[in-house]
Amino acid sequence: MGAVRTTARAQLPPRVRKAVLTLHIVSAGAWIGVDVLVAVLAGVGLGSGSAEVRGLALRTLATFVVTPMLVAALTCLGTGFLLGLATRWGLVRYWWVAVKLVTNLVLATLILVLLRPGLPEVGAAGAVVEAGGVPAADLSFLVYPPTVSLTALAAATVLSVYKPWGRVRQRRARGSEVRATVAG
């Protein structure tokens, strides 16, 4: 058995760590809340209620969702990054942290690359619906953003609570031990 190597890591003072952790949790909760709002607005906009309400829901979705969602995502990413760098969990030291980091990066990218560019069309369709017309655009894609995001954020929450899979390095070491045994 080899000696365990530890690295010097900048530690946050306990009060600062708790403040950053609190901001991380609050931003994740806000992100989940915005996603629930997206689901409600998309459901109302795609539903069978009055044309005015459906159109208003679509225009509201197009106008007000991206900025708070992106702010929450980036705050969650930044605080998670800081916590990873300055706590014993590390950024890629444990599998659950690495998976959460990748999940956050992917979701934040999807906000910018897939959701944001399509929202002007959603707003225009909302105006058409509100005026009593039928939009030319197929808006069924609006079901996917909250479904994907809420599922991923729920999974990230579960990872935070259960902290599965152990350390990244241990898994590599076990694999190399197996290779050494097979080769030897």
N, C-alpha and C. Protein backbone atom coordinates (compact mmCIF):
# COMPACT_ATOMS: atom_id res chain seq x y z
N MET A 1 0.84 -1.19 0.00
CA MET A 1 0.00 0.00 0.00
C MET A 1 0.87 1.24 0.00
N GLY A 2 0.61 2.16 -0.89
CA GLY A 2 1.37 3.41 -0.99
C GLY A 2 0.85 4.44 -0.01
N ALA A 3 1.66 5.40 0.25
CA ALA A 3 1.27 6.49 1.14
C ALA A 3 0.23 7.37 0.44
N VAL A 4 -0.69 7.87 1.24
CA VAL A 4 -1.71 8.76 0.71
C VAL A 4 -1.10 10.14 0.56
N ARG A 5 -1.19 10.68 -0.65
CA ARG A 5 -0.62 11.99 -0.92
C ARG A 5 -1.71 13.04 -0.78
N THR A 6 -1.44 14.05 -0.01
CA THR A 6 -2.40 15.14 0.13
C THR A 6 -1.81 16.39 -0.51
N THR A 7 -2.67 17.22 -1.01
CA THR A 7 -2.21 18.46 -1.63
C THR A 7 -2.69 19.63 -0.78
N ALA A 8 -1.89 20.67 -0.79
CA ALA A 8 -2.28 21.88 -0.08
C ALA A 8 -3.44 22.52 -0.84
N ARG A 9 -4.46 22.88 -0.14
CA ARG A 9 -5.65 23.46 -0.75
C ARG A 9 -6.05 24.68 0.06
N ALA A 10 -6.37 25.74 -0.65
CA ALA A 10 -6.85 26.94 0.03
C ALA A 10 -8.20 26.61 0.67
N GLN A 11 -8.32 26.86 1.94
CA GLN A 11 -9.56 26.59 2.64
C GLN A 11 -10.30 27.90 2.89
N LEU A 12 -11.60 27.85 2.74
CA LEU A 12 -12.43 29.01 3.06
C LEU A 12 -12.64 29.04 4.56
N PRO A 13 -12.63 30.21 5.16
CA PRO A 13 -13.00 30.29 6.58
C PRO A 13 -14.44 29.76 6.74
N PRO A 14 -14.76 29.16 7.87
CA PRO A 14 -16.07 28.53 8.04
C PRO A 14 -17.26 29.44 7.70
N ARG A 15 -17.22 30.68 8.11
CA ARG A 15 -18.34 31.58 7.81
C ARG A 15 -18.47 31.84 6.31
N VAL A 16 -17.34 32.03 5.66
CA VAL A 16 -17.36 32.27 4.21
C VAL A 16 -17.85 31.02 3.49
N ARG A 17 -17.35 29.85 3.90
CA ARG A 17 -17.78 28.59 3.29
C ARG A 17 -19.28 28.42 3.43
N LYS A 18 -19.81 28.69 4.60
CA LYS A 18 -21.26 28.56 4.82
C LYS A 18 -22.04 29.56 3.99
N ALA A 19 -21.52 30.77 3.84
CA ALA A 19 -22.19 31.77 3.01
C ALA A 19 -22.19 31.34 1.54
N VAL A 20 -21.05 30.84 1.05
CA VAL A 20 -20.96 30.38 -0.34
C VAL A 20 -21.87 29.17 -0.54
N LEU A 21 -21.86 28.25 0.41
CA LEU A 21 -22.73 27.07 0.31
C LEU A 21 -24.20 27.48 0.31
N THR A 22 -24.56 28.43 1.15
CA THR A 22 -25.93 28.93 1.19
C THR A 22 -26.32 29.55 -0.15
N LEU A 23 -25.44 30.37 -0.71
CA LEU A 23 -25.71 30.96 -2.01
C LEU A 23 -25.83 29.89 -3.09
N HIS A 24 -25.02 28.86 -3.00
CA HIS A 24 -25.08 27.75 -3.95
C HIS A 24 -26.45 27.05 -3.88
N ILE A 25 -26.89 26.77 -2.68
CA ILE A 25 -28.18 26.10 -2.50
C ILE A 25 -29.33 26.99 -2.94
N VAL A 26 -29.28 28.26 -2.57
CA VAL A 26 -30.34 29.20 -2.96
C VAL A 26 -30.38 29.37 -4.48
N SER A 27 -29.22 29.48 -5.12
CA SER A 27 -29.23 29.64 -6.58
C SER A 27 -29.74 28.38 -7.27
N ALA A 28 -29.42 27.21 -6.74
CA ALA A 28 -29.96 25.97 -7.31
C ALA A 28 -31.48 25.92 -7.12
N GLY A 29 -31.95 26.34 -5.96
CA GLY A 29 -33.39 26.40 -5.72
C GLY A 29 -34.08 27.40 -6.64
N ALA A 30 -33.44 28.54 -6.86
CA ALA A 30 -34.00 29.54 -7.78
C ALA A 30 -34.05 28.99 -9.20
N TRP A 31 -33.01 28.28 -9.59
CA TRP A 31 -32.97 27.68 -10.92
C TRP A 31 -34.11 26.68 -11.08
N ILE A 32 -34.31 25.85 -10.09
CA ILE A 32 -35.42 24.90 -10.12
C ILE A 32 -36.75 25.65 -10.19
N GLY A 33 -36.86 26.73 -9.42
CA GLY A 33 -38.09 27.53 -9.45
C GLY A 33 -38.36 28.14 -10.81
N VAL A 34 -37.32 28.65 -11.46
CA VAL A 34 -37.50 29.22 -12.80
C VAL A 34 -37.90 28.11 -13.77
N ASP A 35 -37.32 26.94 -13.64
CA ASP A 35 -37.70 25.82 -14.50
C ASP A 35 -39.16 25.41 -14.29
N VAL A 36 -39.62 25.44 -13.06
CA VAL A 36 -41.03 25.15 -12.79
C VAL A 36 -41.90 26.22 -13.47
N LEU A 37 -41.48 27.47 -13.38
CA LEU A 37 -42.20 28.55 -14.04
C LEU A 37 -42.24 28.33 -15.56
N VAL A 38 -41.12 27.91 -16.13
CA VAL A 38 -41.08 27.61 -17.57
C VAL A 38 -42.09 26.51 -17.89
N ALA A 39 -42.13 25.48 -17.07
CA ALA A 39 -43.08 24.38 -17.30
C ALA A 39 -44.52 24.88 -17.23
N VAL A 40 -44.82 25.73 -16.25
CA VAL A 40 -46.18 26.26 -16.11
C VAL A 40 -46.53 27.14 -17.31
N LEU A 41 -45.64 28.06 -17.66
CA LEU A 41 -45.91 28.95 -18.79
C LEU A 41 -46.03 28.18 -20.10
N ALA A 42 -45.17 27.20 -20.31
CA ALA A 42 -45.26 26.39 -21.52
C ALA A 42 -46.55 25.59 -21.53
N GLY A 43 -46.91 25.04 -20.39
CA GLY A 43 -48.16 24.28 -20.30
C GLY A 43 -49.37 25.13 -20.59
N VAL A 44 -49.40 26.33 -20.02
CA VAL A 44 -50.51 27.25 -20.27
C VAL A 44 -50.50 27.69 -21.74
N GLY A 45 -49.33 28.01 -22.26
CA GLY A 45 -49.22 28.47 -23.64
C GLY A 45 -49.60 27.42 -24.66
N LEU A 46 -49.32 26.18 -24.34
CA LEU A 46 -49.65 25.08 -25.25
C LEU A 46 -51.01 24.47 -24.96
N GLY A 47 -51.64 24.91 -23.88
CA GLY A 47 -52.90 24.33 -23.44
C GLY A 47 -54.09 24.77 -24.26
N SER A 48 -55.26 24.55 -23.68
CA SER A 48 -56.50 24.81 -24.41
C SER A 48 -57.33 25.93 -23.77
N GLY A 49 -56.71 26.78 -22.99
CA GLY A 49 -57.44 27.89 -22.37
C GLY A 49 -57.75 28.99 -23.37
N SER A 50 -58.08 30.14 -22.85
CA SER A 50 -58.41 31.26 -23.73
C SER A 50 -57.17 31.70 -24.51
N ALA A 51 -57.40 32.22 -25.70
CA ALA A 51 -56.31 32.65 -26.57
C ALA A 51 -55.48 33.75 -25.90
N GLU A 52 -56.15 34.65 -25.18
CA GLU A 52 -55.43 35.74 -24.53
C GLU A 52 -54.46 35.24 -23.46
N VAL A 53 -54.93 34.30 -22.67
CA VAL A 53 -54.09 33.75 -21.60
C VAL A 53 -52.94 32.94 -22.19
N ARG A 54 -53.23 32.11 -23.19
CA ARG A 54 -52.17 31.31 -23.82
C ARG A 54 -51.13 32.21 -24.48
N GLY A 55 -51.58 33.23 -25.18
CA GLY A 55 -50.65 34.15 -25.83
C GLY A 55 -49.80 34.90 -24.82
N LEU A 56 -50.44 35.36 -23.74
CA LEU A 56 -49.71 36.07 -22.69
C LEU A 56 -48.66 35.15 -22.05
N ALA A 57 -49.01 33.89 -21.82
CA ALA A 57 -48.06 32.93 -21.24
C ALA A 57 -46.84 32.76 -22.14
N LEU A 58 -47.08 32.64 -23.44
CA LEU A 58 -45.97 32.47 -24.38
C LEU A 58 -45.11 33.72 -24.46
N ARG A 59 -45.73 34.88 -24.49
CA ARG A 59 -44.95 36.12 -24.53
C ARG A 59 -44.17 36.33 -23.24
N THR A 60 -44.76 35.98 -22.11
CA THR A 60 -44.06 36.08 -20.83
C THR A 60 -42.87 35.14 -20.80
N LEU A 61 -43.07 33.93 -21.27
CA LEU A 61 -41.99 32.96 -21.34
C LEU A 61 -40.84 33.49 -22.19
N ALA A 62 -41.18 34.05 -23.34
CA ALA A 62 -40.16 34.55 -24.25
C ALA A 62 -39.43 35.77 -23.70
N THR A 63 -40.10 36.56 -22.89
CA THR A 63 -39.53 37.82 -22.44
C THR A 63 -38.74 37.71 -21.14
N PHE A 64 -39.22 36.92 -20.20
CA PHE A 64 -38.69 37.02 -18.84
C PHE A 64 -37.95 35.80 -18.30
N VAL A 65 -37.77 34.76 -19.06
CA VAL A 65 -37.24 33.53 -18.48
C VAL A 65 -35.72 33.40 -18.55
N VAL A 66 -35.12 33.74 -19.66
CA VAL A 66 -33.71 33.44 -19.87
C VAL A 66 -32.80 34.12 -18.85
N THR A 67 -32.99 35.40 -18.60
CA THR A 67 -32.08 36.12 -17.71
C THR A 67 -32.06 35.54 -16.29
N PRO A 68 -33.21 35.36 -15.62
CA PRO A 68 -33.12 34.79 -14.27
C PRO A 68 -32.60 33.35 -14.26
N MET A 69 -32.95 32.59 -15.30
CA MET A 69 -32.46 31.21 -15.36
C MET A 69 -30.94 31.19 -15.53
N LEU A 70 -30.43 32.03 -16.41
CA LEU A 70 -29.00 32.08 -16.66
C LEU A 70 -28.24 32.61 -15.44
N VAL A 71 -28.79 33.62 -14.79
CA VAL A 71 -28.16 34.15 -13.57
C VAL A 71 -28.09 33.06 -12.49
N ALA A 72 -29.18 32.34 -12.31
CA ALA A 72 -29.19 31.26 -11.32
C ALA A 72 -28.19 30.17 -11.70
N ALA A 73 -28.15 29.81 -12.98
CA ALA A 73 -27.23 28.76 -13.43
C ALA A 73 -25.77 29.18 -13.23
N LEU A 74 -25.45 30.40 -13.60
CA LEU A 74 -24.07 30.87 -13.47
C LEU A 74 -23.67 31.08 -12.01
N THR A 75 -24.61 31.52 -11.19
CA THR A 75 -24.33 31.65 -9.75
C THR A 75 -24.09 30.28 -9.15
N CYS A 76 -24.91 29.33 -9.53
CA CYS A 76 -24.74 27.96 -9.05
C CYS A 76 -23.40 27.39 -9.52
N LEU A 77 -23.04 27.65 -10.77
CA LEU A 77 -21.77 27.20 -11.31
C LEU A 77 -20.59 27.85 -10.58
N GLY A 78 -20.65 29.16 -10.40
CA GLY A 78 -19.56 29.87 -9.75
C GLY A 78 -19.37 29.47 -8.30
N THR A 79 -20.46 29.36 -7.56
CA THR A 79 -20.34 28.96 -6.15
C THR A 79 -19.91 27.50 -6.04
N GLY A 80 -20.41 26.66 -6.94
CA GLY A 80 -19.98 25.25 -6.93
C GLY A 80 -18.50 25.13 -7.25
N PHE A 81 -18.04 25.92 -8.21
CA PHE A 81 -16.62 25.93 -8.56
C PHE A 81 -15.78 26.36 -7.36
N LEU A 82 -16.21 27.44 -6.70
CA LEU A 82 -15.48 27.93 -5.52
C LEU A 82 -15.48 26.89 -4.40
N LEU A 83 -16.61 26.28 -4.16
CA LEU A 83 -16.69 25.24 -3.13
C LEU A 83 -15.80 24.05 -3.49
N GLY A 84 -15.78 23.71 -4.78
CA GLY A 84 -14.93 22.61 -5.21
C GLY A 84 -13.45 22.90 -5.02
N LEU A 85 -13.06 24.12 -5.30
CA LEU A 85 -11.66 24.49 -5.16
C LEU A 85 -11.22 24.62 -3.71
N ALA A 86 -12.12 25.05 -2.85
CA ALA A 86 -11.72 25.42 -1.49
C ALA A 86 -12.29 24.52 -0.40
N THR A 87 -12.77 23.35 -0.77
CA THR A 87 -13.22 22.40 0.25
C THR A 87 -12.60 21.04 -0.03
N ARG A 88 -12.81 20.12 0.86
CA ARG A 88 -12.21 18.79 0.71
C ARG A 88 -12.79 18.01 -0.46
N TRP A 89 -13.93 18.45 -0.99
CA TRP A 89 -14.58 17.70 -2.07
C TRP A 89 -13.84 17.85 -3.39
N GLY A 90 -13.20 18.98 -3.62
CA GLY A 90 -12.48 19.19 -4.87
C GLY A 90 -13.42 19.32 -6.06
N LEU A 91 -12.86 19.68 -7.22
CA LEU A 91 -13.67 19.82 -8.44
C LEU A 91 -13.86 18.48 -9.13
N VAL A 92 -12.79 17.72 -9.24
CA VAL A 92 -12.89 16.41 -9.88
C VAL A 92 -12.24 15.34 -9.01
N ARG A 93 -12.36 15.53 -7.75
CA ARG A 93 -11.80 14.57 -6.79
C ARG A 93 -12.80 13.45 -6.51
N TYR A 94 -14.06 13.81 -6.49
CA TYR A 94 -15.14 12.84 -6.26
C TYR A 94 -16.04 12.81 -7.49
N TRP A 95 -16.51 11.64 -7.83
CA TRP A 95 -17.35 11.49 -9.02
C TRP A 95 -18.61 12.33 -8.95
N TRP A 96 -19.24 12.37 -7.78
CA TRP A 96 -20.52 13.10 -7.69
C TRP A 96 -20.32 14.59 -7.95
N VAL A 97 -19.19 15.15 -7.53
CA VAL A 97 -18.92 16.57 -7.77
C VAL A 97 -18.64 16.80 -9.26
N ALA A 98 -17.86 15.92 -9.85
CA ALA A 98 -17.53 16.06 -11.27
C ALA A 98 -18.79 15.96 -12.13
N VAL A 99 -19.68 15.05 -11.79
CA VAL A 99 -20.93 14.90 -12.54
C VAL A 99 -21.80 16.15 -12.38
N LYS A 100 -21.86 16.69 -11.18
CA LYS A 100 -22.63 17.93 -10.97
C LYS A 100 -22.03 19.09 -11.76
N LEU A 101 -20.72 19.19 -11.80
CA LEU A 101 -20.06 20.25 -12.56
C LEU A 101 -20.38 20.13 -14.04
N VAL A 102 -20.27 18.93 -14.59
CA VAL A 102 -20.58 18.72 -16.01
C VAL A 102 -22.05 19.00 -16.28
N THR A 103 -22.93 18.56 -15.40
CA THR A 103 -24.36 18.81 -15.56
C THR A 103 -24.65 20.30 -15.61
N ASN A 104 -24.06 21.05 -14.69
CA ASN A 104 -24.27 22.50 -14.66
C ASN A 104 -23.75 23.15 -15.93
N LEU A 105 -22.57 22.76 -16.38
CA LEU A 105 -22.01 23.33 -17.61
C LEU A 105 -22.89 23.02 -18.83
N VAL A 106 -23.37 21.80 -18.91
CA VAL A 106 -24.22 21.41 -20.04
C VAL A 106 -25.54 22.18 -20.01
N LEU A 107 -26.18 22.27 -18.85
CA LEU A 107 -27.46 22.97 -18.77
C LEU A 107 -27.30 24.46 -19.05
N ALA A 108 -26.25 25.07 -18.52
CA ALA A 108 -26.02 26.50 -18.79
C ALA A 108 -25.77 26.73 -20.27
N THR A 109 -25.05 25.83 -20.90
CA THR A 109 -24.81 25.94 -22.34
C THR A 109 -26.11 25.77 -23.12
N LEU A 110 -26.95 24.84 -22.71
CA LEU A 110 -28.23 24.63 -23.39
C LEU A 110 -29.13 25.86 -23.30
N ILE A 111 -29.05 26.57 -22.18
CA ILE A 111 -29.83 27.81 -22.05
C ILE A 111 -29.42 28.79 -23.15
N LEU A 112 -28.12 28.92 -23.34
CA LEU A 112 -27.61 29.89 -24.31
C LEU A 112 -27.75 29.41 -25.76
N VAL A 113 -27.53 28.13 -25.99
CA VAL A 113 -27.46 27.62 -27.36
C VAL A 113 -28.81 27.18 -27.91
N LEU A 114 -29.65 26.59 -27.07
CA LEU A 114 -30.92 26.07 -27.58
C LEU A 114 -32.14 26.88 -27.14
N LEU A 115 -32.20 27.27 -25.89
CA LEU A 115 -33.40 27.94 -25.39
C LEU A 115 -33.48 29.39 -25.85
N ARG A 116 -32.45 30.14 -25.56
CA ARG A 116 -32.47 31.59 -25.87
C ARG A 116 -32.73 31.91 -27.34
N PRO A 117 -32.08 31.25 -28.29
CA PRO A 117 -32.32 31.60 -29.69
C PRO A 117 -33.75 31.35 -30.17
N GLY A 118 -34.47 30.41 -29.56
CA GLY A 118 -35.82 30.10 -30.00
C GLY A 118 -36.91 30.95 -29.37
N LEU A 119 -36.55 31.73 -28.37
CA LEU A 119 -37.59 32.47 -27.65
C LEU A 119 -38.20 33.64 -28.42
N PRO A 120 -37.50 34.33 -29.29
CA PRO A 120 -38.19 35.37 -30.08
C PRO A 120 -39.34 34.78 -30.91
N GLU A 121 -39.13 33.60 -31.44
CA GLU A 121 -40.18 32.93 -32.20
C GLU A 121 -41.36 32.58 -31.28
N VAL A 122 -41.07 32.19 -30.04
CA VAL A 122 -42.12 31.90 -29.07
C VAL A 122 -42.91 33.16 -28.76
N GLY A 123 -42.22 34.28 -28.58
CA GLY A 123 -42.90 35.55 -28.32
C GLY A 123 -43.79 35.96 -29.47
N ALA A 124 -43.28 35.83 -30.69
CA ALA A 124 -44.08 36.17 -31.88
C ALA A 124 -45.29 35.26 -31.99
N ALA A 125 -45.11 33.98 -31.71
CA ALA A 125 -46.23 33.04 -31.74
C ALA A 125 -47.26 33.41 -30.66
N GLY A 126 -46.76 33.86 -29.51
CA GLY A 126 -47.67 34.29 -28.45
C GLY A 126 -48.53 35.46 -28.87
N ALA A 127 -47.94 36.40 -29.58
CA ALA A 127 -48.70 37.55 -30.08
C ALA A 127 -49.76 37.10 -31.08
N VAL A 128 -49.42 36.15 -31.93
CA VAL A 128 -50.38 35.62 -32.91
C VAL A 128 -51.53 34.92 -32.19
N VAL A 129 -51.20 34.09 -31.20
CA VAL A 129 -52.23 33.37 -30.44
C VAL A 129 -53.13 34.36 -29.70
N GLU A 130 -52.51 35.36 -29.08
CA GLU A 130 -53.26 36.36 -28.33
C GLU A 130 -54.24 37.11 -29.22
N ALA A 131 -53.87 37.31 -30.48
CA ALA A 131 -54.74 38.01 -31.43
C ALA A 131 -55.79 37.07 -32.03
N GLY A 132 -55.78 35.80 -31.60
CA GLY A 132 -56.78 34.86 -32.08
C GLY A 132 -56.34 34.03 -33.27
N GLY A 133 -55.10 34.17 -33.68
CA GLY A 133 -54.60 33.41 -34.82
C GLY A 133 -53.95 32.11 -34.40
N VAL A 134 -53.51 31.37 -35.39
CA VAL A 134 -52.79 30.12 -35.17
C VAL A 134 -51.35 30.35 -35.58
N PRO A 135 -50.41 30.13 -34.66
CA PRO A 135 -49.01 30.39 -35.01
C PRO A 135 -48.50 29.41 -36.06
N ALA A 136 -47.62 29.90 -36.90
CA ALA A 136 -47.03 29.05 -37.93
C ALA A 136 -45.99 28.11 -37.32
N ALA A 137 -45.37 28.53 -36.24
CA ALA A 137 -44.30 27.74 -35.61
C ALA A 137 -44.88 26.61 -34.77
N ASP A 138 -44.17 25.48 -34.78
CA ASP A 138 -44.51 24.35 -33.91
C ASP A 138 -43.83 24.62 -32.56
N LEU A 139 -44.62 24.79 -31.52
CA LEU A 139 -44.08 25.13 -30.20
C LEU A 139 -43.98 23.93 -29.26
N SER A 140 -44.16 22.74 -29.78
CA SER A 140 -44.13 21.55 -28.92
C SER A 140 -42.76 21.36 -28.27
N PHE A 141 -41.72 21.95 -28.84
CA PHE A 141 -40.37 21.84 -28.25
C PHE A 141 -40.32 22.46 -26.86
N LEU A 142 -41.28 23.30 -26.50
CA LEU A 142 -41.26 23.95 -25.19
C LEU A 142 -41.43 22.96 -24.03
N VAL A 143 -41.83 21.76 -24.33
CA VAL A 143 -41.97 20.73 -23.30
C VAL A 143 -40.60 20.25 -22.83
N TYR A 144 -39.62 20.26 -23.72
CA TYR A 144 -38.32 19.67 -23.42
C TYR A 144 -37.45 20.46 -22.44
N PRO A 145 -37.32 21.78 -22.56
CA PRO A 145 -36.41 22.47 -21.63
C PRO A 145 -36.71 22.23 -20.15
N PRO A 146 -37.97 22.40 -19.69
CA PRO A 146 -38.17 22.16 -18.27
C PRO A 146 -38.07 20.68 -17.89
N THR A 147 -38.43 19.80 -18.81
CA THR A 147 -38.33 18.37 -18.52
C THR A 147 -36.88 17.96 -18.33
N VAL A 148 -36.03 18.33 -19.27
CA VAL A 148 -34.61 17.98 -19.19
C VAL A 148 -33.96 18.65 -17.99
N SER A 149 -34.18 19.94 -17.84
CA SER A 149 -33.52 20.68 -16.78
C SER A 149 -33.97 20.24 -15.39
N LEU A 150 -35.27 20.08 -15.20
CA LEU A 150 -35.75 19.65 -13.88
C LEU A 150 -35.26 18.25 -13.54
N THR A 151 -35.20 17.37 -14.52
CA THR A 151 -34.68 16.02 -14.28
C THR A 151 -33.20 16.08 -13.90
N ALA A 152 -32.42 16.85 -14.64
CA ALA A 152 -30.99 16.96 -14.35
C ALA A 152 -30.74 17.63 -13.00
N LEU A 153 -31.50 18.68 -12.70
CA LEU A 153 -31.31 19.36 -11.41
C LEU A 153 -31.76 18.50 -10.24
N ALA A 154 -32.80 17.70 -10.43
CA ALA A 154 -33.21 16.76 -9.39
C ALA A 154 -32.12 15.71 -9.17
N ALA A 155 -31.53 15.23 -10.26
CA ALA A 155 -30.44 14.26 -10.14
C ALA A 155 -29.24 14.89 -9.43
N ALA A 156 -28.92 16.15 -9.74
CA ALA A 156 -27.82 16.83 -9.06
C ALA A 156 -28.10 16.98 -7.57
N THR A 157 -29.35 17.22 -7.23
CA THR A 157 -29.72 17.32 -5.82
C THR A 157 -29.53 15.98 -5.12
N VAL A 158 -29.94 14.91 -5.76
CA VAL A 158 -29.74 13.57 -5.20
C VAL A 158 -28.25 13.30 -5.02
N LEU A 159 -27.45 13.66 -6.00
CA LEU A 159 -26.00 13.47 -5.88
C LEU A 159 -25.43 14.23 -4.69
N SER A 160 -25.93 15.44 -4.45
CA SER A 160 -25.45 16.24 -3.33
C SER A 160 -25.79 15.62 -2.00
N VAL A 161 -26.92 14.97 -1.93
CA VAL A 161 -27.36 14.36 -0.67
C VAL A 161 -26.65 13.03 -0.42
N TYR A 162 -26.60 12.16 -1.44
CA TYR A 162 -26.09 10.80 -1.26
C TYR A 162 -24.59 10.66 -1.51
N LYS A 163 -24.00 11.55 -2.29
CA LYS A 163 -22.56 11.55 -2.58
C LYS A 163 -22.06 10.15 -2.98
N PRO A 164 -22.60 9.59 -4.08
CA PRO A 164 -22.23 8.22 -4.45
C PRO A 164 -20.90 8.14 -5.20
N TRP A 165 -20.46 6.92 -5.43
CA TRP A 165 -19.39 6.54 -6.35
C TRP A 165 -17.98 6.74 -5.84
N GLY A 166 -17.77 7.43 -4.76
CA GLY A 166 -16.43 7.55 -4.22
C GLY A 166 -15.51 8.49 -4.98
N ARG A 167 -14.22 8.31 -4.74
CA ARG A 167 -13.21 9.19 -5.30
C ARG A 167 -12.84 8.78 -6.72
N VAL A 168 -12.52 9.77 -7.52
CA VAL A 168 -12.12 9.53 -8.90
C VAL A 168 -10.81 8.75 -8.93
N ARG A 169 -9.84 9.14 -8.14
CA ARG A 169 -8.52 8.52 -8.14
C ARG A 169 -8.59 7.06 -7.73
N GLN A 170 -9.41 6.71 -6.74
CA GLN A 170 -9.50 5.33 -6.29
C GLN A 170 -9.98 4.42 -7.41
N ARG A 171 -10.92 4.90 -8.20
CA ARG A 171 -11.41 4.08 -9.31
C ARG A 171 -10.29 3.82 -10.31
N ARG A 172 -9.47 4.83 -10.60
CA ARG A 172 -8.36 4.65 -11.52
C ARG A 172 -7.34 3.67 -10.93
N ALA A 173 -7.07 3.81 -9.63
CA ALA A 173 -6.09 2.95 -8.98
C ALA A 173 -6.57 1.49 -9.02
N ARG A 174 -7.83 1.25 -8.78
CA ARG A 174 -8.36 -0.11 -8.82
C ARG A 174 -8.21 -0.69 -10.22
N GLY A 175 -8.48 0.13 -11.22
CA GLY A 175 -8.35 -0.33 -12.60
C GLY A 175 -6.91 -0.68 -12.93
N SER A 176 -5.94 0.11 -12.45
CA SER A 176 -4.55 -0.18 -12.73
C SER A 176 -4.07 -1.40 -11.97
N GLU A 177 -4.62 -1.65 -10.76
CA GLU A 177 -4.28 -2.84 -10.01
C GLU A 177 -4.76 -4.07 -10.77
N VAL A 178 -5.98 -3.98 -11.32
CA VAL A 178 -6.51 -5.11 -12.08
C VAL A 178 -5.63 -5.37 -13.30
N ARG A 179 -5.26 -4.30 -14.01
CA ARG A 179 -4.39 -4.45 -15.19
C ARG A 179 -3.04 -5.06 -14.79
N ALA A 180 -2.49 -4.62 -13.67
CA ALA A 180 -1.20 -5.14 -13.22
C ALA A 180 -1.31 -6.62 -12.88
N THR A 181 -2.42 -7.03 -12.26
CA THR A 181 -2.64 -8.43 -11.91
C THR A 181 -2.78 -9.27 -13.16
N VAL A 182 -3.55 -8.79 -14.13
CA VAL A 182 -3.76 -9.53 -15.36
C VAL A 182 -2.46 -9.64 -16.15
N ALA A 183 -1.68 -8.54 -16.19
CA ALA A 183 -0.42 -8.53 -16.94
C ALA A 183 0.64 -9.40 -16.27
N GLY A 184 0.56 -9.49 -14.95
CA GLY A 184 1.60 -10.18 -14.20
C GLY A 184 1.36 -11.62 -14.16
